[in-house]
């Protein structure tokens, strides 16, 4: 990881969990597909989701979350679609793209 953050060139032709190539302008879900059972995993990790139905959790998992952009070095990244209360946006490195889905 150290080399990656010191000026690596990014991942060439990154793909999502389904093998779909990700390109600038794509919309991605959050990177919650790094486990075998995302719904059960979400219910375990987040106490506020313990009472949610499977459909509610699935809708949240598949929610449009990131817009894919190019940084000034030409490396793809995901910028959060919604701003947080303090004005910042979520950020997703290209090495996490493989745990998302293109919407």
N, C-alpha and C. Protein backbone atom coordinates (compact mmCIF):
# COMPACT_ATOMS: atom_id res chain seq x y z
N UNK A 1 0.81 -1.19 0.00
CA UNK A 1 0.00 0.00 0.00
C UNK A 1 0.86 1.26 0.00
N UNK A 2 2.01 1.21 0.63
CA UNK A 2 2.83 2.40 0.73
C UNK A 2 3.19 2.93 -0.66
N UNK A 3 3.59 2.07 -1.56
CA UNK A 3 3.95 2.50 -2.91
C UNK A 3 2.74 3.08 -3.64
N UNK A 4 1.58 2.49 -3.43
CA UNK A 4 0.37 2.98 -4.08
C UNK A 4 0.14 4.45 -3.75
N UNK A 5 0.24 4.81 -2.50
CA UNK A 5 -0.05 6.17 -2.08
C UNK A 5 1.09 7.14 -2.35
N UNK A 6 2.26 6.66 -2.70
CA UNK A 6 3.39 7.55 -2.98
C UNK A 6 3.50 7.88 -4.47
N UNK A 7 2.44 7.71 -5.22
CA UNK A 7 2.48 8.11 -6.61
C UNK A 7 2.26 7.00 -7.61
N UNK A 8 1.63 5.93 -7.16
CA UNK A 8 1.30 4.85 -8.08
C UNK A 8 0.42 5.34 -9.21
N UNK A 9 0.29 4.54 -10.23
CA UNK A 9 -0.46 4.97 -11.41
C UNK A 9 -1.92 4.54 -11.39
N UNK A 10 -2.36 3.95 -10.29
CA UNK A 10 -3.74 3.51 -10.21
C UNK A 10 -3.93 2.16 -10.88
N UNK A 11 -5.12 1.65 -10.76
CA UNK A 11 -5.45 0.35 -11.35
C UNK A 11 -5.95 0.57 -12.77
N UNK A 12 -5.34 -0.11 -13.71
CA UNK A 12 -5.76 -0.01 -15.11
C UNK A 12 -7.00 -0.87 -15.31
N UNK A 13 -8.04 -0.31 -15.90
CA UNK A 13 -9.30 -1.01 -16.17
C UNK A 13 -9.88 -1.69 -14.94
N UNK A 14 -10.16 -0.94 -13.88
CA UNK A 14 -10.75 -1.54 -12.68
C UNK A 14 -12.14 -2.09 -12.99
N UNK A 15 -12.54 -3.11 -12.25
CA UNK A 15 -13.86 -3.71 -12.45
C UNK A 15 -14.62 -3.76 -11.14
N UNK A 16 -15.94 -3.92 -11.25
CA UNK A 16 -16.77 -4.06 -10.06
C UNK A 16 -16.86 -5.53 -9.66
N UNK A 17 -17.69 -5.85 -8.69
CA UNK A 17 -17.83 -7.20 -8.17
C UNK A 17 -18.28 -8.19 -9.25
N UNK A 18 -18.99 -7.68 -10.28
CA UNK A 18 -19.49 -8.54 -11.36
C UNK A 18 -18.57 -8.59 -12.57
N UNK A 19 -17.41 -7.93 -12.48
CA UNK A 19 -16.46 -7.92 -13.59
C UNK A 19 -16.74 -6.85 -14.63
N UNK A 20 -17.66 -5.93 -14.35
CA UNK A 20 -17.97 -4.83 -15.26
C UNK A 20 -16.86 -3.79 -15.16
N UNK A 21 -16.28 -3.39 -16.29
CA UNK A 21 -15.23 -2.37 -16.28
C UNK A 21 -15.81 -1.03 -15.84
N UNK A 22 -15.11 -0.39 -14.94
CA UNK A 22 -15.54 0.90 -14.39
C UNK A 22 -14.81 2.01 -15.12
N UNK A 23 -15.59 3.03 -15.52
CA UNK A 23 -15.00 4.15 -16.24
C UNK A 23 -15.52 5.47 -15.66
N UNK A 24 -14.87 6.53 -16.05
CA UNK A 24 -15.27 7.86 -15.58
C UNK A 24 -16.74 8.10 -15.87
N UNK A 25 -17.45 8.65 -14.90
CA UNK A 25 -18.86 8.96 -15.05
C UNK A 25 -19.80 7.87 -14.54
N UNK A 26 -19.27 6.68 -14.27
CA UNK A 26 -20.11 5.60 -13.74
C UNK A 26 -20.57 5.95 -12.33
N UNK A 27 -21.70 5.38 -11.95
CA UNK A 27 -22.23 5.51 -10.60
C UNK A 27 -22.06 4.15 -9.92
N UNK A 28 -21.50 4.18 -8.71
CA UNK A 28 -21.23 2.95 -7.97
C UNK A 28 -22.02 2.90 -6.67
N UNK A 29 -22.28 1.68 -6.21
CA UNK A 29 -22.82 1.48 -4.87
C UNK A 29 -21.69 1.70 -3.87
N UNK A 30 -22.00 1.63 -2.60
CA UNK A 30 -20.95 1.64 -1.59
C UNK A 30 -20.17 0.34 -1.70
N UNK A 31 -19.00 0.26 -1.12
CA UNK A 31 -18.15 -0.93 -1.26
C UNK A 31 -18.45 -1.98 -0.18
N UNK A 32 -19.68 -2.49 -0.20
CA UNK A 32 -20.13 -3.45 0.79
C UNK A 32 -20.17 -4.88 0.27
N UNK A 33 -19.63 -5.14 -0.91
CA UNK A 33 -19.71 -6.48 -1.47
C UNK A 33 -18.41 -7.26 -1.29
N UNK A 34 -17.74 -7.04 -0.17
CA UNK A 34 -16.51 -7.77 0.11
C UNK A 34 -16.74 -8.92 1.09
N UNK A 35 -17.98 -9.32 1.25
CA UNK A 35 -18.31 -10.45 2.11
C UNK A 35 -19.31 -11.35 1.37
N UNK A 36 -19.45 -12.58 1.83
CA UNK A 36 -20.32 -13.53 1.15
C UNK A 36 -21.79 -13.20 1.30
N UNK A 37 -22.19 -12.70 2.46
CA UNK A 37 -23.59 -12.40 2.72
C UNK A 37 -23.72 -10.95 3.19
N UNK A 38 -23.79 -10.00 2.24
CA UNK A 38 -23.79 -8.59 2.64
C UNK A 38 -24.94 -8.20 3.57
N UNK A 39 -26.13 -8.76 3.38
CA UNK A 39 -27.27 -8.38 4.22
C UNK A 39 -27.03 -8.80 5.66
N UNK A 40 -26.63 -10.05 5.89
CA UNK A 40 -26.35 -10.53 7.25
C UNK A 40 -25.19 -9.76 7.86
N UNK A 41 -24.18 -9.49 7.05
CA UNK A 41 -23.01 -8.77 7.52
C UNK A 41 -23.38 -7.35 7.96
N UNK A 42 -24.20 -6.69 7.18
CA UNK A 42 -24.63 -5.32 7.52
C UNK A 42 -25.42 -5.33 8.82
N UNK A 43 -26.29 -6.30 8.97
CA UNK A 43 -27.11 -6.39 10.18
C UNK A 43 -26.22 -6.60 11.41
N UNK A 44 -25.14 -7.37 11.27
CA UNK A 44 -24.21 -7.60 12.38
C UNK A 44 -23.38 -6.37 12.70
N UNK A 45 -22.91 -5.67 11.67
CA UNK A 45 -21.99 -4.54 11.86
C UNK A 45 -22.66 -3.28 12.37
N UNK A 46 -23.88 -3.02 11.91
CA UNK A 46 -24.52 -1.75 12.22
C UNK A 46 -25.75 -1.97 13.09
N UNK A 47 -25.66 -1.53 14.34
CA UNK A 47 -26.73 -1.78 15.29
C UNK A 47 -28.05 -1.17 14.86
N UNK A 48 -28.02 -0.04 14.17
CA UNK A 48 -29.28 0.58 13.75
C UNK A 48 -29.98 -0.23 12.65
N UNK A 49 -29.31 -1.22 12.06
CA UNK A 49 -29.91 -2.04 11.01
C UNK A 49 -30.43 -3.38 11.53
N UNK A 50 -30.25 -3.65 12.80
CA UNK A 50 -30.68 -4.94 13.36
C UNK A 50 -32.17 -5.19 13.14
N UNK A 51 -32.97 -4.17 13.19
CA UNK A 51 -34.42 -4.31 13.04
C UNK A 51 -34.90 -4.08 11.61
N UNK A 52 -34.00 -3.75 10.71
CA UNK A 52 -34.38 -3.51 9.32
C UNK A 52 -34.75 -4.82 8.64
N UNK A 53 -35.64 -4.75 7.67
CA UNK A 53 -35.96 -5.93 6.87
C UNK A 53 -34.83 -6.17 5.87
N UNK A 54 -34.80 -7.39 5.31
CA UNK A 54 -33.80 -7.69 4.29
C UNK A 54 -33.92 -6.75 3.11
N UNK A 55 -35.15 -6.39 2.74
CA UNK A 55 -35.37 -5.48 1.61
C UNK A 55 -34.80 -4.10 1.91
N UNK A 56 -35.00 -3.60 3.11
CA UNK A 56 -34.47 -2.28 3.48
C UNK A 56 -32.94 -2.28 3.43
N UNK A 57 -32.32 -3.34 3.93
CA UNK A 57 -30.86 -3.42 3.90
C UNK A 57 -30.37 -3.56 2.47
N UNK A 58 -31.03 -4.38 1.68
CA UNK A 58 -30.64 -4.54 0.27
C UNK A 58 -30.73 -3.22 -0.48
N UNK A 59 -31.81 -2.47 -0.23
CA UNK A 59 -31.95 -1.15 -0.87
C UNK A 59 -30.79 -0.24 -0.49
N UNK A 60 -30.38 -0.28 0.77
CA UNK A 60 -29.27 0.56 1.23
C UNK A 60 -27.95 0.12 0.60
N UNK A 61 -27.73 -1.19 0.52
CA UNK A 61 -26.51 -1.73 -0.07
C UNK A 61 -26.39 -1.33 -1.54
N UNK A 62 -27.51 -1.30 -2.24
CA UNK A 62 -27.51 -1.00 -3.68
C UNK A 62 -27.75 0.48 -3.99
N UNK A 63 -27.74 1.32 -2.98
CA UNK A 63 -27.97 2.76 -3.16
C UNK A 63 -26.83 3.40 -3.96
N UNK A 64 -27.16 4.26 -4.92
CA UNK A 64 -26.09 5.00 -5.64
C UNK A 64 -25.31 5.86 -4.63
N UNK A 65 -24.00 5.64 -4.58
CA UNK A 65 -23.19 6.29 -3.54
C UNK A 65 -22.03 7.10 -4.09
N UNK A 66 -21.37 6.59 -5.13
CA UNK A 66 -20.18 7.25 -5.66
C UNK A 66 -20.31 7.57 -7.15
N UNK A 67 -19.77 8.71 -7.54
CA UNK A 67 -19.62 9.10 -8.94
C UNK A 67 -18.14 8.94 -9.27
N UNK A 68 -17.83 8.18 -10.32
CA UNK A 68 -16.43 7.92 -10.68
C UNK A 68 -15.86 9.11 -11.44
N UNK A 69 -14.71 9.59 -10.97
CA UNK A 69 -14.04 10.73 -11.58
C UNK A 69 -12.56 10.43 -11.76
N UNK A 70 -11.89 11.29 -12.53
CA UNK A 70 -10.43 11.20 -12.70
C UNK A 70 -9.78 12.30 -11.87
N UNK A 71 -8.72 11.94 -11.13
CA UNK A 71 -8.00 12.99 -10.40
C UNK A 71 -6.99 13.64 -11.35
N UNK A 72 -6.22 14.61 -10.84
CA UNK A 72 -5.30 15.35 -11.71
C UNK A 72 -4.18 14.49 -12.26
N UNK A 73 -3.93 13.32 -11.66
CA UNK A 73 -2.91 12.39 -12.17
C UNK A 73 -3.50 11.39 -13.17
N UNK A 74 -4.82 11.49 -13.40
CA UNK A 74 -5.46 10.57 -14.33
C UNK A 74 -5.87 9.25 -13.71
N UNK A 75 -5.96 9.21 -12.39
CA UNK A 75 -6.35 7.99 -11.68
C UNK A 75 -7.83 8.09 -11.30
N UNK A 76 -8.57 7.02 -11.54
CA UNK A 76 -9.99 6.99 -11.20
C UNK A 76 -10.18 6.93 -9.68
N UNK A 77 -11.22 7.60 -9.20
CA UNK A 77 -11.62 7.52 -7.80
C UNK A 77 -13.12 7.72 -7.73
N UNK A 78 -13.72 7.37 -6.61
CA UNK A 78 -15.14 7.59 -6.41
C UNK A 78 -15.38 8.73 -5.46
N UNK A 79 -16.19 9.70 -5.91
CA UNK A 79 -16.55 10.83 -5.04
C UNK A 79 -17.99 10.63 -4.60
N UNK A 80 -18.23 10.78 -3.30
CA UNK A 80 -19.58 10.61 -2.77
C UNK A 80 -20.58 11.53 -3.45
N UNK A 81 -21.74 11.02 -3.75
CA UNK A 81 -22.78 11.80 -4.41
C UNK A 81 -23.37 12.82 -3.45
N UNK A 82 -23.60 12.40 -2.22
CA UNK A 82 -24.20 13.29 -1.22
C UNK A 82 -23.13 13.89 -0.33
N UNK A 83 -23.30 15.15 0.00
CA UNK A 83 -22.38 15.80 0.93
C UNK A 83 -22.79 15.47 2.35
N UNK A 84 -21.81 15.38 3.24
CA UNK A 84 -22.09 15.19 4.65
C UNK A 84 -22.43 16.55 5.26
N UNK A 85 -22.91 16.53 6.47
CA UNK A 85 -23.32 17.76 7.15
C UNK A 85 -22.21 18.81 7.18
N UNK A 86 -20.97 18.40 7.33
CA UNK A 86 -19.86 19.36 7.45
C UNK A 86 -19.30 19.74 6.08
N UNK A 87 -19.96 19.34 5.00
CA UNK A 87 -19.59 19.80 3.67
C UNK A 87 -18.66 18.90 2.89
N UNK A 88 -18.16 17.83 3.50
CA UNK A 88 -17.24 16.95 2.78
C UNK A 88 -18.02 15.82 2.09
N UNK A 89 -17.34 15.14 1.19
CA UNK A 89 -17.93 14.02 0.47
C UNK A 89 -17.15 12.75 0.78
N UNK A 90 -17.81 11.61 0.62
CA UNK A 90 -17.12 10.34 0.74
C UNK A 90 -16.08 10.22 -0.37
N UNK A 91 -15.07 9.41 -0.16
CA UNK A 91 -14.02 9.18 -1.15
C UNK A 91 -13.76 7.69 -1.23
N UNK A 92 -13.59 7.17 -2.44
CA UNK A 92 -13.34 5.75 -2.64
C UNK A 92 -12.15 5.57 -3.57
N UNK A 93 -11.08 4.90 -3.07
CA UNK A 93 -9.92 4.59 -3.89
C UNK A 93 -10.27 3.50 -4.90
N UNK A 94 -9.57 3.50 -6.02
CA UNK A 94 -9.86 2.54 -7.08
C UNK A 94 -9.63 1.09 -6.65
N UNK A 95 -8.79 0.84 -5.65
CA UNK A 95 -8.58 -0.55 -5.22
C UNK A 95 -9.78 -1.10 -4.46
N UNK A 96 -10.75 -0.25 -4.10
CA UNK A 96 -12.00 -0.70 -3.47
C UNK A 96 -13.13 -0.86 -4.49
N UNK A 97 -12.90 -0.48 -5.74
CA UNK A 97 -13.95 -0.59 -6.76
C UNK A 97 -14.45 -2.03 -6.89
N UNK A 98 -13.58 -3.00 -6.69
CA UNK A 98 -13.96 -4.41 -6.88
C UNK A 98 -15.00 -4.88 -5.87
N UNK A 99 -15.31 -4.08 -4.86
CA UNK A 99 -16.34 -4.41 -3.89
C UNK A 99 -17.62 -3.59 -4.06
N UNK A 100 -17.76 -2.94 -5.21
CA UNK A 100 -18.94 -2.15 -5.53
C UNK A 100 -19.68 -2.78 -6.70
N UNK A 101 -20.80 -2.16 -7.07
CA UNK A 101 -21.50 -2.53 -8.30
C UNK A 101 -21.75 -1.27 -9.11
N UNK A 102 -21.58 -1.37 -10.41
CA UNK A 102 -21.93 -0.26 -11.30
C UNK A 102 -23.45 -0.23 -11.42
N UNK A 103 -24.02 0.93 -11.25
CA UNK A 103 -25.48 1.08 -11.35
C UNK A 103 -25.80 1.66 -12.72
